Amino acid sequence: MSKLSRITFDPQVMGGKPCIRGLRMTVGTIVGLIASGRAREEILEAYPYLEEEDINEALEYAAWRVEEIEVPLELAKK
């Protein structure tokens, strides 16, 4: 995975959820908009502070998180 420079985490912003460039726009919001059928152009028009690359990185981050596997400590020690 490439370095995601637009995804930020700050406990003071949206409870530490992954956000876009420190804004109050979460990755989950962008993914939800895409999943509900919104076109990128619609999203960019509705949220003029977003950029095309913000959407790309949000989707890249979400895809990476879905593939990440968490192993319980009990299994990792065996």
PDB file of N, CA and C in Angstrom:
ATOM      1  N   MET A   1       0.848  -1.176   0.000  1.00  0.00           N
ATOM      2  CA  MET A   1       0.000   0.000   0.000  1.00  0.00           C
ATOM      3  C   MET A   1       0.890   1.235   0.000  1.00  0.00           C
ATOM      4  N   SER A   2       0.524   2.214  -0.804  1.00  0.00           N
ATOM      5  CA  SER A   2       1.280   3.455  -0.842  1.00  0.00           C
ATOM      6  C   SER A   2       1.021   4.262   0.424  1.00  0.00           C
ATOM      7  N   LYS A   3       1.904   5.221   0.685  1.00  0.00           N
ATOM      8  CA  LYS A   3       1.732   6.071   1.861  1.00  0.00           C
ATOM      9  C   LYS A   3       0.498   6.941   1.660  1.00  0.00           C
ATOM     10  N   LEU A   4      -0.373   6.927   2.637  1.00  0.00           N
ATOM     11  CA  LEU A   4      -1.603   7.701   2.565  1.00  0.00           C
ATOM     12  C   LEU A   4      -1.393   9.017   3.309  1.00  0.00           C
ATOM     13  N   SER A   5      -1.100  10.054   2.587  1.00  0.00           N
ATOM     14  CA  SER A   5      -0.774  11.342   3.207  1.00  0.00           C
ATOM     15  C   SER A   5      -2.005  12.168   3.545  1.00  0.00           C
ATOM     16  N   ARG A   6      -3.171  11.799   3.047  1.00  0.00           N
ATOM     17  CA  ARG A   6      -4.378  12.593   3.273  1.00  0.00           C
ATOM     18  C   ARG A   6      -5.258  12.028   4.389  1.00  0.00           C
ATOM     19  N   ILE A   7      -4.965  10.842   4.876  1.00  0.00           N
ATOM     20  CA  ILE A   7      -5.745  10.225   5.943  1.00  0.00           C
ATOM     21  C   ILE A   7      -5.098  10.599   7.274  1.00  0.00           C
ATOM     22  N   THR A   8      -5.880  11.200   8.159  1.00  0.00           N
ATOM     23  CA  THR A   8      -5.347  11.633   9.447  1.00  0.00           C
ATOM     24  C   THR A   8      -6.167  11.048  10.594  1.00  0.00           C
ATOM     25  N   PHE A   9      -5.525  10.961  11.730  1.00  0.00           N
ATOM     26  CA  PHE A   9      -6.147  10.459  12.956  1.00  0.00           C
ATOM     27  C   PHE A   9      -5.849  11.454  14.063  1.00  0.00           C
ATOM     28  N   ASP A  10      -6.889  11.977  14.664  1.00  0.00           N
ATOM     29  CA  ASP A  10      -6.729  12.943  15.748  1.00  0.00           C
ATOM     30  C   ASP A  10      -7.875  12.720  16.730  1.00  0.00           C
ATOM     31  N   PRO A  11      -7.560  12.373  17.981  1.00  0.00           N
ATOM     32  CA  PRO A  11      -8.619  12.138  18.964  1.00  0.00           C
ATOM     33  C   PRO A  11      -9.555  13.332  19.140  1.00  0.00           C
ATOM     34  N   GLN A  12      -9.096  14.529  18.793  1.00  0.00           N
ATOM     35  CA  GLN A  12      -9.907  15.734  18.935  1.00  0.00           C
ATOM     36  C   GLN A  12     -10.831  15.983  17.736  1.00  0.00           C
ATOM     37  N   VAL A  13     -10.645  15.198  16.680  1.00  0.00           N
ATOM     38  CA  VAL A  13     -11.459  15.366  15.472  1.00  0.00           C
ATOM     39  C   VAL A  13     -12.216  14.071  15.210  1.00  0.00           C
ATOM     40  N   MET A  14     -13.529  14.124  15.299  1.00  0.00           N
ATOM     41  CA  MET A  14     -14.399  12.982  15.026  1.00  0.00           C
ATOM     42  C   MET A  14     -14.027  11.756  15.859  1.00  0.00           C
ATOM     43  N   GLY A  15     -13.578  11.989  17.084  1.00  0.00           N
ATOM     44  CA  GLY A  15     -13.264  10.893  18.001  1.00  0.00           C
ATOM     45  C   GLY A  15     -12.108  10.017  17.565  1.00  0.00           C
ATOM     46  N   GLY A  16     -11.244  10.534  16.724  1.00  0.00           N
ATOM     47  CA  GLY A  16     -10.083   9.765  16.289  1.00  0.00           C
ATOM     48  C   GLY A  16     -10.328   8.878  15.084  1.00  0.00           C
ATOM     49  N   LYS A  17     -11.524   8.945  14.513  1.00  0.00           N
ATOM     50  CA  LYS A  17     -11.797   8.163  13.300  1.00  0.00           C
ATOM     51  C   LYS A  17     -10.904   8.664  12.168  1.00  0.00           C
ATOM     52  N   PRO A  18     -10.603   7.801  11.201  1.00  0.00           N
ATOM     53  CA  PRO A  18      -9.797   8.258  10.069  1.00  0.00           C
ATOM     54  C   PRO A  18     -10.548   9.332   9.285  1.00  0.00           C
ATOM     55  N   CYS A  19      -9.893  10.469   9.123  1.00  0.00           N
ATOM     56  CA  CYS A  19     -10.493  11.619   8.449  1.00  0.00           C
ATOM     57  C   CYS A  19      -9.627  12.054   7.274  1.00  0.00           C
ATOM     58  N   ILE A  20     -10.187  12.943   6.492  1.00  0.00           N
ATOM     59  CA  ILE A  20      -9.476  13.504   5.354  1.00  0.00           C
ATOM     60  C   ILE A  20      -8.804  14.811   5.762  1.00  0.00           C
ATOM     61  N   ARG A  21      -7.476  14.823   5.705  1.00  0.00           N
ATOM     62  CA  ARG A  21      -6.661  16.019   5.946  1.00  0.00           C
ATOM     63  C   ARG A  21      -7.052  16.788   7.204  1.00  0.00           C
ATOM     64  N   GLY A  22      -7.424  16.083   8.266  1.00  0.00           N
ATOM     65  CA  GLY A  22      -7.768  16.732   9.532  1.00  0.00           C
ATOM     66  C   GLY A  22      -9.132  17.401   9.535  1.00  0.00           C
ATOM     67  N   LEU A  23      -9.859  17.269   8.450  1.00  0.00           N
ATOM     68  CA  LEU A  23     -11.197  17.849   8.364  1.00  0.00           C
ATOM     69  C   LEU A  23     -12.183  16.953   9.091  1.00  0.00           C
ATOM     70  N   ARG A  24     -13.374  17.440   9.299  1.00  0.00           N
ATOM     71  CA  ARG A  24     -14.423  16.657   9.941  1.00  0.00           C
ATOM     72  C   ARG A  24     -15.185  15.830   8.903  1.00  0.00           C
ATOM     73  N   MET A  25     -14.451  15.237   7.997  1.00  0.00           N
ATOM     74  CA  MET A  25     -14.993  14.354   6.961  1.00  0.00           C
ATOM     75  C   MET A  25     -14.291  13.012   7.116  1.00  0.00           C
ATOM     76  N   THR A  26     -15.070  12.006   7.521  1.00  0.00           N
ATOM     77  CA  THR A  26     -14.460  10.697   7.768  1.00  0.00           C
ATOM     78  C   THR A  26     -14.358   9.876   6.488  1.00  0.00           C
ATOM     79  N   VAL A  27     -13.428   8.949   6.522  1.00  0.00           N
ATOM     80  CA  VAL A  27     -13.301   7.984   5.436  1.00  0.00           C
ATOM     81  C   VAL A  27     -14.621   7.233   5.278  1.00  0.00           C
ATOM     82  N   GLY A  28     -15.242   6.875   6.389  1.00  0.00           N
ATOM     83  CA  GLY A  28     -16.505   6.143   6.355  1.00  0.00           C
ATOM     84  C   GLY A  28     -17.608   6.907   5.638  1.00  0.00           C
ATOM     85  N   THR A  29     -17.632   8.225   5.802  1.00  0.00           N
ATOM     86  CA  THR A  29     -18.640   9.032   5.112  1.00  0.00           C
ATOM     87  C   THR A  29     -18.443   8.964   3.609  1.00  0.00           C
ATOM     88  N   ILE A  30     -17.202   9.095   3.179  1.00  0.00           N
ATOM     89  CA  ILE A  30     -16.910   9.042   1.741  1.00  0.00           C
ATOM     90  C   ILE A  30     -17.239   7.661   1.179  1.00  0.00           C
ATOM     91  N   VAL A  31     -16.827   6.617   1.861  1.00  0.00           N
ATOM     92  CA  VAL A  31     -17.114   5.256   1.395  1.00  0.00           C
ATOM     93  C   VAL A  31     -18.625   5.029   1.353  1.00  0.00           C
ATOM     94  N   GLY A  32     -19.327   5.510   2.355  1.00  0.00           N
ATOM     95  CA  GLY A  32     -20.782   5.374   2.374  1.00  0.00           C
ATOM     96  C   GLY A  32     -21.451   6.092   1.214  1.00  0.00           C
ATOM     97  N   LEU A  33     -20.964   7.276   0.883  1.00  0.00           N
ATOM     98  CA  LEU A  33     -21.521   8.015  -0.248  1.00  0.00           C
ATOM     99  C   LEU A  33     -21.301   7.270  -1.564  1.00  0.00           C
ATOM    100  N   ILE A  34     -20.095   6.752  -1.743  1.00  0.00           N
ATOM    101  CA  ILE A  34     -19.792   5.975  -2.965  1.00  0.00           C
ATOM    102  C   ILE A  34     -20.668   4.724  -3.000  1.00  0.00           C
ATOM    103  N   ALA A  35     -20.771   4.035  -1.872  1.00  0.00           N
ATOM    104  CA  ALA A  35     -21.559   2.797  -1.812  1.00  0.00           C
ATOM    105  C   ALA A  35     -23.039   3.040  -2.086  1.00  0.00           C
ATOM    106  N   SER A  36     -23.526   4.230  -1.745  1.00  0.00           N
ATOM    107  CA  SER A  36     -24.941   4.527  -1.973  1.00  0.00           C
ATOM    108  C   SER A  36     -25.208   5.019  -3.395  1.00  0.00           C
ATOM    109  N   GLY A  37     -24.162   5.030  -4.205  1.00  0.00           N
ATOM    110  CA  GLY A  37     -24.349   5.359  -5.614  1.00  0.00           C
ATOM    111  C   GLY A  37     -24.023   6.789  -6.006  1.00  0.00           C
ATOM    112  N   ARG A  38     -23.504   7.565  -5.084  1.00  0.00           N
ATOM    113  CA  ARG A  38     -23.145   8.943  -5.423  1.00  0.00           C
ATOM    114  C   ARG A  38     -21.917   8.952  -6.337  1.00  0.00           C
ATOM    115  N   ALA A  39     -21.964   9.758  -7.348  1.00  0.00           N
ATOM    116  CA  ALA A  39     -20.826   9.927  -8.249  1.00  0.00           C
ATOM    117  C   ALA A  39     -19.781  10.801  -7.577  1.00  0.00           C
ATOM    118  N   ARG A  40     -18.534  10.606  -7.950  1.00  0.00           N
ATOM    119  CA  ARG A  40     -17.459  11.435  -7.396  1.00  0.00           C
ATOM    120  C   ARG A  40     -17.748  12.916  -7.607  1.00  0.00           C
ATOM    121  N   GLU A  41     -18.268  13.246  -8.785  1.00  0.00           N
ATOM    122  CA  GLU A  41     -18.564  14.645  -9.094  1.00  0.00           C
ATOM    123  C   GLU A  41     -19.613  15.211  -8.133  1.00  0.00           C
ATOM    124  N   GLU A  42     -20.605  14.397  -7.782  1.00  0.00           N
ATOM    125  CA  GLU A  42     -21.634  14.827  -6.829  1.00  0.00           C
ATOM    126  C   GLU A  42     -21.014  15.098  -5.460  1.00  0.00           C
ATOM    127  N   ILE A  43     -20.140  14.206  -5.042  1.00  0.00           N
ATOM    128  CA  ILE A  43     -19.495  14.355  -3.735  1.00  0.00           C
ATOM    129  C   ILE A  43     -18.645  15.622  -3.712  1.00  0.00           C
ATOM    130  N   LEU A  44     -17.870  15.836  -4.759  1.00  0.00           N
ATOM    131  CA  LEU A  44     -17.011  17.014  -4.813  1.00  0.00           C
ATOM    132  C   LEU A  44     -17.832  18.304  -4.875  1.00  0.00           C
ATOM    133  N   GLU A  45     -18.985  18.246  -5.503  1.00  0.00           N
ATOM    134  CA  GLU A  45     -19.855  19.425  -5.559  1.00  0.00           C
ATOM    135  C   GLU A  45     -20.503  19.688  -4.192  1.00  0.00           C
ATOM    136  N   ALA A  46     -20.920  18.622  -3.515  1.00  0.00           N
ATOM    137  CA  ALA A  46     -21.567  18.769  -2.212  1.00  0.00           C
ATOM    138  C   ALA A  46     -20.583  19.181  -1.117  1.00  0.00           C
ATOM    139  N   TYR A  47     -19.334  18.775  -1.267  1.00  0.00           N
ATOM    140  CA  TYR A  47     -18.294  19.076  -0.277  1.00  0.00           C
ATOM    141  C   TYR A  47     -17.122  19.738  -1.001  1.00  0.00           C
ATOM    142  N   PRO A  48     -17.231  21.028  -1.291  1.00  0.00           N
ATOM    143  CA  PRO A  48     -16.225  21.702  -2.129  1.00  0.00           C
ATOM    144  C   PRO A  48     -14.808  21.725  -1.551  1.00  0.00           C
ATOM    145  N   TYR A  49     -14.660  21.450  -0.274  1.00  0.00           N
ATOM    146  CA  TYR A  49     -13.327  21.413   0.336  1.00  0.00           C
ATOM    147  C   TYR A  49     -12.613  20.092   0.065  1.00  0.00           C
ATOM    148  N   LEU A  50     -13.336  19.112  -0.487  1.00  0.00           N
ATOM    149  CA  LEU A  50     -12.703  17.843  -0.851  1.00  0.00           C
ATOM    150  C   LEU A  50     -12.078  17.935  -2.235  1.00  0.00           C
ATOM    151  N   GLU A  51     -11.096  17.079  -2.449  1.00  0.00           N
ATOM    152  CA  GLU A  51     -10.420  16.980  -3.738  1.00  0.00           C
ATOM    153  C   GLU A  51     -10.516  15.540  -4.220  1.00  0.00           C
ATOM    154  N   GLU A  52     -10.358  15.342  -5.505  1.00  0.00           N
ATOM    155  CA  GLU A  52     -10.440  14.007  -6.111  1.00  0.00           C
ATOM    156  C   GLU A  52      -9.517  13.017  -5.387  1.00  0.00           C
ATOM    157  N   GLU A  53      -8.313  13.451  -5.076  1.00  0.00           N
ATOM    158  CA  GLU A  53      -7.355  12.564  -4.407  1.00  0.00           C
ATOM    159  C   GLU A  53      -7.824  12.167  -3.012  1.00  0.00           C
ATOM    160  N   ASP A  54      -8.606  12.996  -2.351  1.00  0.00           N
ATOM    161  CA  ASP A  54      -9.177  12.643  -1.048  1.00  0.00           C
ATOM    162  C   ASP A  54     -10.066  11.405  -1.190  1.00  0.00           C
ATOM    163  N   ILE A  55     -10.886  11.387  -2.217  1.00  0.00           N
ATOM    164  CA  ILE A  55     -11.770  10.243  -2.451  1.00  0.00           C
ATOM    165  C   ILE A  55     -10.952   9.002  -2.770  1.00  0.00           C
ATOM    166  N   ASN A  56      -9.939   9.158  -3.620  1.00  0.00           N
ATOM    167  CA  ASN A  56      -9.082   8.016  -3.967  1.00  0.00           C
ATOM    168  C   ASN A  56      -8.434   7.416  -2.724  1.00  0.00           C
ATOM    169  N   GLU A  57      -7.872   8.260  -1.881  1.00  0.00           N
ATOM    170  CA  GLU A  57      -7.200   7.748  -0.680  1.00  0.00           C
ATOM    171  C   GLU A  57      -8.181   7.147   0.314  1.00  0.00           C
ATOM    172  N   ALA A  58      -9.367   7.719   0.423  1.00  0.00           N
ATOM    173  CA  ALA A  58     -10.371   7.150   1.322  1.00  0.00           C
ATOM    174  C   ALA A  58     -10.710   5.730   0.883  1.00  0.00           C
ATOM    175  N   LEU A  59     -10.900   5.533  -0.403  1.00  0.00           N
ATOM    176  CA  LEU A  59     -11.217   4.195  -0.907  1.00  0.00           C
ATOM    177  C   LEU A  59     -10.029   3.247  -0.761  1.00  0.00           C
ATOM    178  N   GLU A  60      -8.830   3.745  -1.002  1.00  0.00           N
ATOM    179  CA  GLU A  60      -7.635   2.914  -0.834  1.00  0.00           C
ATOM    180  C   GLU A  60      -7.469   2.494   0.627  1.00  0.00           C
ATOM    181  N   TYR A  61      -7.677   3.421   1.551  1.00  0.00           N
ATOM    182  CA  TYR A  61      -7.572   3.115   2.975  1.00  0.00           C
ATOM    183  C   TYR A  61      -8.629   2.088   3.386  1.00  0.00           C
ATOM    184  N   ALA A  62      -9.861   2.289   2.935  1.00  0.00           N
ATOM    185  CA  ALA A  62     -10.948   1.369   3.282  1.00  0.00           C
ATOM    186  C   ALA A  62     -10.665  -0.033   2.754  1.00  0.00           C
ATOM    187  N   ALA A  63     -10.162  -0.133   1.542  1.00  0.00           N
ATOM    188  CA  ALA A  63      -9.835  -1.438   0.970  1.00  0.00           C
ATOM    189  C   ALA A  63      -8.724  -2.119   1.778  1.00  0.00           C
ATOM    190  N   TRP A  64      -7.740  -1.359   2.198  1.00  0.00           N
ATOM    191  CA  TRP A  64      -6.657  -1.914   3.007  1.00  0.00           C
ATOM    192  C   TRP A  64      -7.179  -2.412   4.350  1.00  0.00           C
ATOM    193  N   ARG A  65      -8.039  -1.635   4.993  1.00  0.00           N
ATOM    194  CA  ARG A  65      -8.582  -2.040   6.303  1.00  0.00           C
ATOM    195  C   ARG A  65      -9.431  -3.298   6.205  1.00  0.00           C
ATOM    196  N   VAL A  66     -10.151  -3.457   5.130  1.00  0.00           N
ATOM    197  CA  VAL A  66     -10.987  -4.655   4.965  1.00  0.00           C
ATOM    198  C   VAL A  66     -10.117  -5.900   4.857  1.00  0.00           C
ATOM    199  N   GLU A  67      -8.965  -5.776   4.251  1.00  0.00           N
ATOM    200  CA  GLU A  67      -8.074  -6.919   4.067  1.00  0.00           C
ATOM    201  C   GLU A  67      -7.192  -7.200   5.275  1.00  0.00           C
ATOM    202  N   GLU A  68      -7.095  -6.258   6.184  1.00  0.00           N
ATOM    203  CA  GLU A  68      -6.261  -6.434   7.371  1.00  0.00           C
ATOM    204  C   GLU A  68      -6.860  -7.516   8.262  1.00  0.00           C
ATOM    205  N   ILE A  69      -6.005  -8.357   8.792  1.00  0.00           N
ATOM    206  CA  ILE A  69      -6.455  -9.455   9.640  1.00  0.00           C
ATOM    207  C   ILE A  69      -5.945  -9.219  11.062  1.00  0.00           C
ATOM    208  N   GLU A  70      -6.838  -9.321  12.015  1.00  0.00           N
ATOM    209  CA  GLU A  70      -6.446  -9.212  13.414  1.00  0.00           C
ATOM    210  C   GLU A  70      -6.358 -10.615  13.995  1.00  0.00           C
ATOM    211  N   VAL A  71      -5.224 -10.915  14.607  1.00  0.00           N
ATOM    212  CA  VAL A  71      -5.001 -12.224  15.188  1.00  0.00           C
ATOM    213  C   VAL A  71      -5.042 -12.087  16.706  1.00  0.00           C
ATOM    214  N   PRO A  72      -5.925 -12.830  17.370  1.00  0.00           N
ATOM    215  CA  PRO A  72      -5.970 -12.792  18.831  1.00  0.00           C
ATOM    216  C   PRO A  72      -4.617 -13.181  19.421  1.00  0.00           C
ATOM    217  N   LEU A  73      -4.231 -12.550  20.509  1.00  0.00           N
ATOM    218  CA  LEU A  73      -2.933 -12.809  21.112  1.00  0.00           C
ATOM    219  C   LEU A  73      -2.737 -14.282  21.453  1.00  0.00           C
ATOM    220  N   GLU A  74      -3.789 -14.971  21.855  1.00  0.00           N
ATOM    221  CA  GLU A  74      -3.670 -16.385  22.202  1.00  0.00           C
ATOM    222  C   GLU A  74      -3.179 -17.209  21.002  1.00  0.00           C
ATOM    223  N   LEU A  75      -3.659 -16.891  19.815  1.00  0.00           N
ATOM    224  CA  LEU A  75      -3.245 -17.614  18.611  1.00  0.00           C
ATOM    225  C   LEU A  75      -1.853 -17.204  18.171  1.00  0.00           C
ATOM    226  N   ALA A  76      -1.493 -15.954  18.363  1.00  0.00           N
ATOM    227  CA  ALA A  76      -0.190 -15.461  17.928  1.00  0.00           C
ATOM    228  C   ALA A  76       0.945 -16.088  18.732  1.00  0.00           C
ATOM    229  N   LYS A  77       0.683 -16.520  19.987  1.00  0.00           N
ATOM    230  CA  LYS A  77       1.709 -17.085  20.849  1.00  0.00           C
ATOM    231  C   LYS A  77       1.980 -18.553  20.547  1.00  0.00           C
ATOM    232  N   LYS A  78       1.065 -19.233  19.864  1.00  0.00           N
ATOM    233  CA  LYS A  78       1.230 -20.671  19.606  1.00  0.00           C
ATOM    234  C   LYS A  78       2.222 -20.947  18.512  1.00  0.00           C
TER     235      LYS A  78
END
